Each structure stands twice: as structure tokens, then as C-alpha cells.
Amino acid sequence: MKTPNPVESASALIDDKIQALDDWRGETLARVRKIIHEADPEIVEELKWMGTPVWSHGGIVCTGETYKNAVKMTFAKGASLADPSGLFNSSLEGNVRRAIDIHEGDKIDDAALKDLIRAAVALNLMSKSKPKAQRASRKRDE
């Protein structure tokens, strides 16, 4: 991956990251990215935390991290999301986040992943629409 240029868009840098991963991880990250955009055409791509792709709409929806043996999608508020298809298979012990580790050869359930992404966006937008006093009260009660 080339050194980030401040004038380059996050989308272009994610393109570069995918191309630099010239194996199954790049293909998987590209596929996940496509699914994310199909689920929510208004999603915004960002790069945070030393080049980690981040997809946001009303707040962070998920990240796309790449490791030697996995492509990890971490959902910022995953613990609050229903997962009827059982996609979450990592970071299950946390109170906030949940993740999906995709390994080489794993099949991605496009429809279930789109549902999960749409649910994460809806949760973000619902949280943003609540009055501040109600959000503060809820935090005190937790």
C-alpha cells in the first residue's frame, strides 16, 4: 500500500489496500465492500487507525481488518444487533462489539450480511434521533 496522500480519498486508499493484498484476502475484502455498498448505497468509506477501512452511516457500522489468516468485519455496536443467521463468530464476549472472521474458502451469506449491515445502520440512525437527555438517562441506568 502506498503512503497516504492527504488529497486522496479513503475509497482510493481502500482500492490500493485491496490491490496490495493480491491473494484471497484482497478478493474477500473487495467482496465484503461490495456487499456493504449494496446493503446501503449511502454508506461512507473512511480510513482510521493506521489504515483500517471503516464504513459509516450515522456512526461507525463496521471495519474491515485483514490478518494473515482472516478478514475481520468488526461491527461497532454488534452486541446490540440481532444475528438470526449466526454470522458473528468472533469477539463474542464483549459488551459492545461483535465480529465476523472470514477465512480462506469460507462462503459469505450475502443476504444475511446485508441484513446485518442494514440493522447496524438503522441502530446508528435510531440512536442519533433520540434526544440527548434520553441518551444520557439511558447511560446512567446502564
Protein backbone atom coordinates (compact mmCIF):
# COMPACT_ATOMS: atom_id res chain seq x y z
CA MET A 1 0.00 0.00 0.00
CA LYS A 2 1.40 3.38 -0.93
CA THR A 3 1.87 6.17 1.58
CA PRO A 4 -1.41 8.04 2.08
CA ASN A 5 -1.64 11.37 0.32
CA PRO A 6 -3.91 13.83 2.17
CA VAL A 7 -5.76 14.67 -1.04
CA GLU A 8 -6.54 11.04 -1.90
CA SER A 9 -9.96 9.79 -0.90
CA ALA A 10 -10.47 7.00 1.58
CA SER A 11 -12.12 4.99 -1.21
CA ALA A 12 -8.99 5.26 -3.37
CA LEU A 13 -6.82 4.16 -0.45
CA ILE A 14 -9.10 1.19 0.18
CA ASP A 15 -8.75 0.34 -3.52
CA ASP A 16 -4.96 0.43 -3.04
CA LYS A 17 -5.17 -1.79 0.05
CA ILE A 18 -7.26 -4.37 -1.82
CA GLN A 19 -4.80 -4.39 -4.75
CA ALA A 20 -1.83 -4.74 -2.40
CA LEU A 21 -3.47 -7.85 -0.93
CA ASP A 22 -3.05 -9.90 -4.08
CA ASP A 23 -4.48 -13.07 -2.56
CA TRP A 24 -7.78 -14.35 -1.17
CA ARG A 25 -7.81 -11.59 1.47
CA GLY A 26 -7.95 -8.84 -1.14
CA GLU A 27 -10.71 -10.68 -3.01
CA THR A 28 -12.64 -11.18 0.22
CA LEU A 29 -12.26 -7.56 1.34
CA ALA A 30 -13.43 -6.41 -2.12
CA ARG A 31 -16.44 -8.72 -1.94
CA VAL A 32 -17.37 -7.57 1.57
CA ARG A 33 -17.03 -3.95 0.45
CA LYS A 34 -19.36 -4.60 -2.49
CA ILE A 35 -21.94 -6.22 -0.20
CA ILE A 36 -21.74 -3.27 2.21
CA HIS A 37 -22.43 -0.79 -0.61
CA GLU A 38 -25.28 -2.92 -1.96
CA ALA A 39 -26.83 -3.02 1.52
CA ASP A 40 -26.52 0.75 1.97
CA PRO A 41 -25.62 2.90 -1.04
CA GLU A 42 -25.30 5.92 1.29
CA ILE A 43 -22.55 4.38 3.41
CA VAL A 44 -19.38 6.44 3.75
CA GLU A 45 -15.89 4.95 3.45
CA GLU A 46 -13.19 6.17 5.79
CA LEU A 47 -9.71 5.10 6.82
CA LYS A 48 -8.87 5.13 10.53
CA TRP A 49 -6.46 3.53 12.94
CA MET A 50 -3.38 3.20 10.76
CA GLY A 51 -5.21 2.45 7.52
CA THR A 52 -8.17 0.33 8.62
CA PRO A 53 -11.15 0.59 6.25
CA VAL A 54 -14.23 1.85 8.10
CA TRP A 55 -17.79 2.07 6.81
CA SER A 56 -20.08 4.60 8.48
CA HIS A 57 -23.63 5.86 8.29
CA GLY A 58 -24.83 7.79 11.33
CA GLY A 59 -21.76 6.42 13.12
CA ILE A 60 -19.42 3.51 12.54
CA VAL A 61 -21.17 0.48 11.07
CA CYS A 62 -18.16 -1.82 10.71
CA THR A 63 -14.47 -2.06 9.95
CA GLY A 64 -12.65 -4.34 7.53
CA GLU A 65 -9.39 -5.58 9.00
CA THR A 66 -7.06 -8.01 7.27
CA TYR A 67 -4.86 -10.50 9.04
CA LYS A 68 -2.73 -13.38 7.80
CA ASN A 69 -5.49 -15.94 8.26
CA ALA A 70 -8.69 -13.85 8.26
CA VAL A 71 -10.58 -10.86 7.03
CA LYS A 72 -12.38 -9.49 10.08
CA MET A 73 -15.51 -7.38 9.96
CA THR A 74 -15.97 -5.72 13.33
CA PHE A 75 -19.38 -4.18 13.98
CA ALA A 76 -19.11 -1.24 16.38
CA LYS A 77 -22.47 -1.95 18.07
CA GLY A 78 -22.68 -5.62 17.19
CA ALA A 79 -23.72 -6.76 20.67
CA SER A 80 -26.93 -4.75 20.21
CA LEU A 81 -27.80 -6.37 16.88
CA ALA A 82 -29.92 -9.45 16.34
CA ASP A 83 -27.95 -12.06 14.40
CA PRO A 84 -30.51 -14.70 13.39
CA SER A 85 -28.16 -16.19 10.77
CA GLY A 86 -25.32 -16.60 13.28
CA LEU A 87 -22.77 -14.60 11.30
CA PHE A 88 -20.94 -13.29 14.36
CA ASN A 89 -18.18 -15.76 15.23
CA SER A 90 -15.59 -13.57 16.95
CA SER A 91 -15.38 -11.03 19.80
CA LEU A 92 -18.48 -12.64 21.29
CA GLU A 93 -17.56 -11.93 24.89
CA GLY A 94 -17.60 -8.12 24.63
CA ASN A 95 -20.41 -5.83 25.73
CA VAL A 96 -20.40 -3.65 22.61
CA ARG A 97 -18.64 -5.04 19.54
CA ARG A 98 -19.08 -8.27 17.61
CA ALA A 99 -17.06 -9.52 14.66
CA ILE A 100 -17.17 -11.88 11.74
CA ASP A 101 -13.92 -13.66 10.89
CA ILE A 102 -13.86 -14.79 7.28
CA HIS A 103 -11.21 -17.39 6.48
CA GLU A 104 -9.92 -18.58 3.13
CA GLY A 105 -12.58 -20.70 1.45
CA ASP A 106 -15.44 -19.52 3.69
CA LYS A 107 -18.74 -18.87 1.95
CA ILE A 108 -20.28 -15.45 2.61
CA ASP A 109 -24.05 -15.32 3.07
CA ASP A 110 -24.68 -12.10 1.11
CA ALA A 111 -28.33 -11.74 2.14
CA ALA A 112 -27.66 -12.27 5.85
CA LEU A 113 -24.69 -9.89 5.79
CA LYS A 114 -26.77 -7.21 4.04
CA ASP A 115 -29.47 -7.62 6.71
CA LEU A 116 -26.87 -7.21 9.45
CA ILE A 117 -25.42 -4.09 7.82
CA ARG A 118 -28.88 -2.56 7.39
CA ALA A 119 -29.68 -3.32 11.03
CA ALA A 120 -26.42 -1.64 12.13
CA VAL A 121 -27.24 1.46 10.08
CA ALA A 122 -30.79 1.55 11.49
CA LEU A 123 -29.41 1.29 15.04
CA ASN A 124 -26.99 4.16 14.38
CA LEU A 125 -29.73 6.36 12.94
CA MET A 126 -32.15 5.49 15.74
CA SER A 127 -29.50 6.40 18.35
CA LYS A 128 -28.88 9.73 16.60
CA SER A 129 -32.59 10.59 16.55
CA LYS A 130 -33.11 10.20 20.30
CA PRO A 131 -32.97 13.41 22.34
CA LYS A 132 -29.72 13.97 24.25
CA ALA A 133 -31.45 13.86 27.64
CA GLN A 134 -32.92 10.44 26.84
CA ARG A 135 -29.49 9.09 25.75
CA ALA A 136 -27.85 10.48 28.92
CA SER A 137 -30.56 8.94 31.09
CA ARG A 138 -30.10 5.56 29.42
CA LYS A 139 -26.33 5.69 30.00
CA ARG A 140 -26.83 6.45 33.72
CA ASP A 141 -29.15 3.43 34.01
CA GLU A 142 -26.60 1.02 32.49
